[in-house]
């Protein structure tokens, strides 16, 4: 049985933090946890003067994770001259330029959107980002779903991003994808209770004050709907285009049309539509069934005069891979399900979108 992120965190919760008396997970000492097959890597972030006191903790952590049956464990002690607190996103409401600005270092900014929740937009975003990285593109992923951030879990990223000066944010990275999410700034299970102006300020800060580096493309995983986050992105950042994800049934398409109309009003090009949960093939008998209907998104794309970029199947392995912190493009790169995302990435590159 393969070891998961949750298995590792559960083992580490038995270790006491010398400074706070809590376990090292609750104390926020464990950072940048990455589970990649039978290899586990993470750091213990401590005060510069505490290295000697934490060496037994490091050794204990390494031994406990090895006892789970993994092949390789790398545990590194890191120290910062100042506490690496995240920037104050609540105080991010500052005067902003009137027009859209380019994101520093980013060649293309593309939104991944949906009209309603539950259509698999975040799963598509994570797999597409990993697929583009596998094709050699320099890829970033901004999880802009402030109320329901899921990219830290899907990309197997934990810990808080460093902020050396309280203004500049250093993003996290895994599977070749540079990522940032509000979920990295809050505790797991903690609700973000913010009004519109605070949301807009936080989004602008995550766009403009993150050291993204040189990227070919930055994907923005938007929340569902047509609210403040979508409008802020289109009005404050130089957005090149949007990709809309929907399931085939009429209820989802009704909301997808509203999202498309929003981007039209904001003068943002629609690069194409993706039909997610397009078909299901029974793992027992091989029967193909269109649980949510079929062809609705293709018909909508034809009506709008935009491409149908991909038809992604409803498959258990895609869900399990995302929940396990390694998207199927990473965990099962040769599977038929992963090939759908790889083909999508190749198409976007060929079309000059990515």
Protein backbone atom coordinates (compact mmCIF):
# COMPACT_ATOMS: atom_id res chain seq x y z
CA UNK A 1 0.00 0.00 0.00
CA UNK A 2 1.41 3.41 -0.99
CA UNK A 3 1.99 6.02 1.67
CA UNK A 4 -0.09 9.21 1.46
CA UNK A 5 0.39 12.75 2.74
CA UNK A 6 -2.11 12.05 5.51
CA UNK A 7 -0.13 8.99 6.61
CA UNK A 8 3.04 11.06 6.92
CA UNK A 9 1.32 13.89 8.78
CA UNK A 10 -0.30 11.42 11.18
CA UNK A 11 3.13 9.93 12.00
CA UNK A 12 4.65 13.37 12.53
CA UNK A 13 1.85 14.45 14.87
CA UNK A 14 3.31 12.13 17.50
CA UNK A 15 6.46 14.28 17.73
CA UNK A 16 6.52 17.17 20.21
CA UNK A 17 7.79 20.59 19.21
CA UNK A 18 10.37 21.74 21.81
CA UNK A 19 9.48 25.40 21.39
CA UNK A 20 5.69 25.38 21.61
CA UNK A 21 4.86 22.08 23.30
CA UNK A 22 2.45 21.23 20.46
CA UNK A 23 3.07 18.50 17.94
CA UNK A 24 5.31 19.66 15.09
CA UNK A 25 2.47 19.58 12.53
CA UNK A 26 0.10 21.75 14.57
CA UNK A 27 2.97 24.09 15.44
CA UNK A 28 3.59 24.75 11.74
CA UNK A 29 7.16 23.43 11.85
CA UNK A 30 6.61 20.94 9.01
CA UNK A 31 6.85 22.70 5.65
CA UNK A 32 6.99 21.78 1.94
CA UNK A 33 5.88 18.17 2.44
CA UNK A 34 6.13 16.22 -0.79
CA UNK A 35 5.17 12.55 -1.21
CA UNK A 36 6.38 11.24 -4.56
CA UNK A 37 5.91 7.47 -4.86
CA UNK A 38 8.10 5.87 -2.19
CA UNK A 39 10.10 9.09 -1.59
CA UNK A 40 9.11 11.63 1.07
CA UNK A 41 10.68 15.06 1.46
CA UNK A 42 9.94 17.90 3.87
CA UNK A 43 11.64 20.58 5.91
CA UNK A 44 11.43 21.57 9.56
CA UNK A 45 11.42 25.35 9.74
CA UNK A 46 12.96 26.57 12.99
CA UNK A 47 14.63 29.58 14.59
CA UNK A 48 18.33 30.00 13.69
CA UNK A 49 19.46 29.40 17.26
CA UNK A 50 17.47 26.18 17.68
CA UNK A 51 19.29 23.87 15.26
CA UNK A 52 20.96 21.83 18.00
CA UNK A 53 17.73 21.36 19.97
CA UNK A 54 15.85 20.23 16.84
CA UNK A 55 18.39 17.70 15.56
CA UNK A 56 16.80 14.91 17.70
CA UNK A 57 13.40 15.99 16.37
CA UNK A 58 14.70 15.75 12.81
CA UNK A 59 16.12 12.28 13.43
CA UNK A 60 12.89 11.13 15.10
CA UNK A 61 10.81 12.46 12.20
CA UNK A 62 13.00 10.66 9.67
CA UNK A 63 12.76 7.37 11.61
CA UNK A 64 8.98 7.55 12.00
CA UNK A 65 8.41 8.21 8.31
CA UNK A 66 10.81 5.42 7.31
CA UNK A 67 8.83 3.09 9.56
CA UNK A 68 5.82 3.66 7.27
CA UNK A 69 7.64 1.63 4.63
CA UNK A 70 8.83 4.38 2.29
CA UNK A 71 12.08 4.00 0.37
CA UNK A 72 13.66 7.42 0.78
CA UNK A 73 13.14 10.09 3.44
CA UNK A 74 14.73 13.54 3.30
CA UNK A 75 14.22 15.81 6.32
CA UNK A 76 16.05 19.13 6.32
CA UNK A 77 16.28 21.75 9.07
CA UNK A 78 15.87 25.28 7.71
CA UNK A 79 16.19 28.55 9.56
CA UNK A 80 15.32 32.13 8.70
CA UNK A 81 16.87 35.22 10.15
CA UNK A 82 13.34 36.50 10.70
CA UNK A 83 10.12 34.54 11.16
CA UNK A 84 8.80 33.71 7.72
CA UNK A 85 5.27 34.92 8.25
CA UNK A 86 2.95 35.25 5.28
CA UNK A 87 2.18 38.77 4.13
CA UNK A 88 -0.82 40.52 5.57
CA UNK A 89 -3.39 39.88 2.87
CA UNK A 90 -6.07 41.59 4.96
CA UNK A 91 -4.11 44.79 4.67
CA UNK A 92 -3.67 44.51 0.96
CA UNK A 93 -6.27 47.08 -0.02
CA UNK A 94 -4.05 49.69 -1.61
CA UNK A 95 -4.48 52.15 -4.42
CA UNK A 96 -4.11 50.25 -7.68
CA UNK A 97 -3.49 51.34 -11.27
CA UNK A 98 -6.67 52.03 -13.19
CA UNK A 99 -5.99 49.69 -16.11
CA UNK A 100 -4.94 46.05 -16.47
CA UNK A 101 -1.27 45.35 -15.80
CA UNK A 102 0.92 42.46 -16.96
CA UNK A 103 2.01 40.04 -14.25
CA UNK A 104 5.80 40.45 -13.89
CA UNK A 105 7.70 37.64 -15.61
CA UNK A 106 4.58 35.97 -17.05
CA UNK A 107 4.20 35.66 -20.83
CA UNK A 108 0.56 34.54 -20.89
CA UNK A 109 -2.19 34.70 -18.27
CA UNK A 110 -5.07 32.27 -18.83
CA UNK A 111 -8.13 31.80 -16.63
CA UNK A 112 -9.72 28.39 -16.06
CA UNK A 113 -13.36 29.13 -15.28
CA UNK A 114 -16.74 27.50 -14.77
CA UNK A 115 -20.23 28.80 -14.35
CA UNK A 116 -21.05 26.56 -11.39
CA UNK A 117 -19.22 24.55 -8.78
CA UNK A 118 -18.70 20.79 -8.85
CA UNK A 119 -17.80 20.45 -12.53
CA UNK A 120 -14.15 19.52 -11.84
CA UNK A 121 -12.54 22.82 -12.81
CA UNK A 122 -9.80 22.61 -10.17
CA UNK A 123 -8.98 19.00 -11.10
CA UNK A 124 -8.69 20.05 -14.73
CA UNK A 125 -6.49 23.02 -13.75
CA UNK A 126 -4.08 20.90 -11.68
CA UNK A 127 -3.74 18.20 -14.34
CA UNK A 128 -3.38 20.71 -17.17
CA UNK A 129 -0.65 22.57 -15.27
CA UNK A 130 1.27 19.32 -14.68
CA UNK A 131 0.75 18.24 -18.30
CA UNK A 132 2.13 21.54 -19.61
CA UNK A 133 5.12 21.22 -17.26
CA UNK A 134 5.72 17.68 -18.57
CA UNK A 135 5.81 19.15 -22.09
CA UNK A 136 8.61 21.49 -21.03
CA UNK A 137 6.62 24.66 -20.44
CA UNK A 138 7.38 26.95 -17.50
CA UNK A 139 4.04 26.85 -15.71
CA UNK A 140 2.47 28.66 -12.78
CA UNK A 141 -0.88 27.97 -11.13
CA UNK A 142 -2.72 30.53 -9.02
CA UNK A 143 -5.54 29.08 -6.92
CA UNK A 144 -7.91 32.05 -6.90
CA UNK A 145 -10.82 30.08 -5.42
CA UNK A 146 -10.49 31.99 -2.15
CA UNK A 147 -13.46 30.42 -0.38
CA UNK A 148 -12.67 26.85 -1.46
CA UNK A 149 -8.96 26.49 -2.24
CA UNK A 150 -8.08 22.93 -3.27
CA UNK A 151 -4.81 23.19 -5.19
CA UNK A 152 -2.52 22.66 -2.14
CA UNK A 153 -4.09 19.23 -1.62
CA UNK A 154 -4.21 18.33 -5.31
CA UNK A 155 -0.57 19.30 -5.92
CA UNK A 156 0.70 17.80 -2.66
CA UNK A 157 1.95 21.12 -1.28
CA UNK A 158 1.95 22.06 2.41
CA UNK A 159 3.49 24.74 4.61
CA UNK A 160 3.30 28.50 4.43
CA UNK A 161 5.05 30.43 1.64
CA UNK A 162 7.94 32.55 2.86
CA UNK A 163 7.78 36.34 2.81
CA UNK A 164 11.21 37.79 3.56
CA UNK A 165 10.03 41.41 3.78
CA UNK A 166 6.31 40.99 4.54
CA UNK A 167 5.45 42.19 1.03
CA UNK A 168 7.03 39.83 -1.49
CA UNK A 169 5.69 36.26 -1.47
CA UNK A 170 7.84 33.28 -2.44
CA UNK A 171 5.58 30.69 -4.13
CA UNK A 172 5.68 26.93 -3.62
CA UNK A 173 6.64 24.42 -6.31
CA UNK A 174 5.87 20.78 -7.05
CA UNK A 175 5.79 18.55 -10.15
CA UNK A 176 7.38 21.38 -12.14
CA UNK A 177 4.50 23.77 -11.33
CA UNK A 178 5.00 27.02 -9.43
CA UNK A 179 1.88 27.59 -7.34
CA UNK A 180 0.24 29.97 -4.91
CA UNK A 181 -3.01 29.57 -3.02
CA UNK A 182 -4.84 31.31 -0.21
CA UNK A 183 -5.13 27.81 1.25
CA UNK A 184 -1.42 28.01 2.09
CA UNK A 185 -2.04 31.14 4.17
CA UNK A 186 -4.75 29.64 6.39
CA UNK A 187 -5.09 26.60 8.60
CA UNK A 188 -6.80 23.54 7.13
CA UNK A 189 -10.52 23.76 7.80
CA UNK A 190 -10.38 27.50 8.54
CA UNK A 191 -13.01 29.52 6.68
CA UNK A 192 -12.05 32.70 4.82
CA UNK A 193 -14.70 35.24 5.84
CA UNK A 194 -13.89 38.24 3.66
CA UNK A 195 -15.96 40.82 1.86
CA UNK A 196 -15.41 41.88 -1.74
CA UNK A 197 -12.78 44.63 -1.27
CA UNK A 198 -10.60 42.33 0.83
CA UNK A 199 -10.91 39.56 -1.77
CA UNK A 200 -9.91 41.94 -4.54
CA UNK A 201 -6.89 43.18 -2.60
CA UNK A 202 -5.74 39.65 -1.78
CA UNK A 203 -6.08 38.51 -5.39
CA UNK A 204 -4.14 41.50 -6.67
CA UNK A 205 -1.39 40.85 -4.14
CA UNK A 206 -1.15 37.16 -5.07
CA UNK A 207 -0.87 38.15 -8.72
CA UNK A 208 1.53 41.07 -8.52
CA UNK A 209 3.57 40.50 -5.37
CA UNK A 210 4.42 36.83 -5.82
CA UNK A 211 7.86 36.12 -7.26
CA UNK A 212 6.55 33.96 -10.09
CA UNK A 213 9.84 34.05 -11.95
CA UNK A 214 9.93 33.63 -15.73
CA UNK A 215 6.81 31.71 -16.81
CA UNK A 216 5.50 30.77 -20.21
CA UNK A 217 1.97 30.61 -18.82
CA UNK A 218 0.19 31.31 -15.54
CA UNK A 219 -3.10 29.44 -15.13
CA UNK A 220 -5.64 30.98 -12.76
CA UNK A 221 -8.07 28.51 -11.17
CA UNK A 222 -11.08 30.76 -10.66
CA UNK A 223 -13.98 30.21 -8.26
CA UNK A 224 -17.31 29.31 -9.87
CA UNK A 225 -19.69 32.06 -10.85
CA UNK A 226 -19.36 35.63 -12.07
CA UNK A 227 -18.34 37.56 -8.96
CA UNK A 228 -15.66 39.86 -7.58
CA UNK A 229 -12.68 37.58 -8.23
CA UNK A 230 -13.45 37.15 -11.93
CA UNK A 231 -14.06 40.86 -12.45
CA UNK A 232 -10.92 41.83 -10.54
CA UNK A 233 -8.77 39.47 -12.56
CA UNK A 234 -10.04 40.79 -15.89
CA UNK A 235 -9.88 44.46 -14.87
CA UNK A 236 -6.58 44.55 -12.95
CA UNK A 237 -4.40 42.00 -14.77
CA UNK A 238 -3.68 41.69 -18.47
CA UNK A 239 -5.68 38.51 -19.05
CA UNK A 240 -4.95 36.86 -22.41
CA UNK A 241 -7.93 34.53 -22.47
CA UNK A 242 -10.16 32.04 -20.67
CA UNK A 243 -10.97 28.34 -20.89
CA UNK A 244 -14.41 27.32 -19.63
CA UNK A 245 -15.02 23.91 -18.04
CA UNK A 246 -18.50 22.38 -17.89
CA UNK A 247 -20.21 19.03 -17.54
CA UNK A 248 -22.60 18.06 -20.34
CA UNK A 249 -25.95 18.43 -18.58
CA UNK A 250 -28.21 21.40 -19.24
CA UNK A 251 -28.07 22.77 -15.67
CA UNK A 252 -24.29 23.13 -15.84
CA UNK A 253 -24.43 24.61 -19.34
CA UNK A 254 -26.90 27.26 -18.21
CA UNK A 255 -24.34 28.58 -15.75
CA UNK A 256 -21.44 28.09 -18.17
CA UNK A 257 -23.20 30.40 -20.63
CA UNK A 258 -23.34 33.10 -17.95
CA UNK A 259 -19.62 32.75 -17.37
CA UNK A 260 -18.95 33.00 -21.10
CA UNK A 261 -21.16 36.09 -21.32
CA UNK A 262 -19.21 37.66 -18.44
CA UNK A 263 -15.91 37.21 -20.26
CA UNK A 264 -17.47 38.63 -23.43
CA UNK A 265 -18.56 41.71 -21.50
CA UNK A 266 -15.06 42.03 -20.06
CA UNK A 267 -13.56 41.75 -23.58
CA UNK A 268 -11.67 38.56 -22.67
CA UNK A 269 -11.26 36.00 -25.49
CA UNK A 270 -12.63 32.49 -24.95
CA UNK A 271 -9.98 30.00 -26.07
CA UNK A 272 -12.38 27.08 -25.93
CA UNK A 273 -14.55 24.79 -23.82
CA UNK A 274 -13.73 21.56 -22.00
CA UNK A 275 -16.36 18.89 -21.38
CA UNK A 276 -15.52 17.22 -18.08
CA UNK A 277 -17.12 13.98 -16.84
CA UNK A 278 -17.94 13.37 -20.48
CA UNK A 279 -18.30 9.60 -20.30
CA UNK A 280 -17.92 6.78 -17.80
CA UNK A 281 -16.60 3.30 -18.61
CA UNK A 282 -17.50 0.64 -16.05
CA UNK A 283 -14.37 -0.94 -14.57
CA UNK A 284 -16.20 -4.28 -14.19
CA UNK A 285 -17.88 -4.80 -17.54
CA UNK A 286 -16.44 -2.12 -19.82
CA UNK A 287 -19.84 -0.61 -20.61
CA UNK A 288 -19.68 3.06 -21.63
CA UNK A 289 -22.34 5.28 -20.10
CA UNK A 290 -22.97 9.00 -20.44
CA UNK A 291 -24.13 9.71 -16.89
CA UNK A 292 -24.47 13.47 -17.39
CA UNK A 293 -25.48 13.28 -21.03
CA UNK A 294 -23.09 13.81 -23.91
CA UNK A 295 -22.37 16.40 -26.56
CA UNK A 296 -23.90 19.40 -24.81
CA UNK A 297 -20.59 21.21 -24.45
CA UNK A 298 -19.60 20.40 -28.05
CA UNK A 299 -22.88 21.88 -29.29
CA UNK A 300 -22.36 24.99 -27.16
CA UNK A 301 -18.80 25.40 -28.47
CA UNK A 302 -20.03 25.11 -32.06
CA UNK A 303 -22.74 27.71 -31.41
CA UNK A 304 -20.15 30.10 -29.96
CA UNK A 305 -17.66 29.43 -32.73
CA UNK A 306 -14.91 28.31 -30.31
CA UNK A 307 -13.10 24.96 -30.13
CA UNK A 308 -14.08 22.02 -27.97
CA UNK A 309 -10.62 21.52 -26.47
CA UNK A 310 -11.12 18.17 -24.73
CA UNK A 311 -13.62 15.59 -23.52
CA UNK A 312 -12.41 14.30 -20.16
CA UNK A 313 -13.88 11.05 -18.80
CA UNK A 314 -15.43 10.52 -15.39
CA UNK A 315 -12.96 8.07 -13.84
CA UNK A 316 -12.22 7.01 -10.28
CA UNK A 317 -8.45 7.18 -10.79
CA UNK A 318 -8.61 10.89 -11.64
CA UNK A 319 -10.40 11.61 -8.38
CA UNK A 320 -8.15 9.38 -6.28
CA UNK A 321 -5.01 10.89 -7.75
CA UNK A 322 -6.17 14.43 -7.02
CA UNK A 323 -7.15 13.56 -3.44
CA UNK A 324 -3.77 11.87 -2.96
CA UNK A 325 -1.77 14.97 -3.89
CA UNK A 326 -0.37 13.67 -7.20
CA UNK A 327 -2.56 14.46 -10.25
CA UNK A 328 -3.08 11.55 -12.61
CA UNK A 329 -0.75 13.16 -15.16
CA UNK A 330 2.00 12.68 -12.54
CA UNK A 331 0.94 9.46 -10.79
CA UNK A 332 -0.21 7.50 -13.89
CA UNK A 333 1.35 9.34 -16.85
CA UNK A 334 0.78 6.49 -19.32
CA UNK A 335 -2.89 5.90 -18.47
CA UNK A 336 -5.64 6.76 -20.98
CA UNK A 337 -6.98 9.35 -18.53
CA UNK A 338 -3.61 11.11 -18.31
CA UNK A 339 -3.24 11.07 -22.09
CA UNK A 340 -6.38 13.20 -22.41
CA UNK A 341 -4.69 15.95 -20.40
CA UNK A 342 -1.37 15.49 -22.22
CA UNK A 343 -3.16 15.83 -25.57
CA UNK A 344 -4.92 18.95 -24.28
CA UNK A 345 -1.57 20.48 -23.25
CA UNK A 346 -0.04 19.68 -26.65
CA UNK A 347 -3.00 21.29 -28.38
CA UNK A 348 -2.71 24.49 -26.34
CA UNK A 349 1.02 24.66 -27.11
CA UNK A 350 0.41 24.06 -30.83
CA UNK A 351 -2.26 26.79 -30.86
CA UNK A 352 0.11 29.27 -29.19
CA UNK A 353 -2.03 29.50 -26.04
CA UNK A 354 0.54 27.95 -23.70
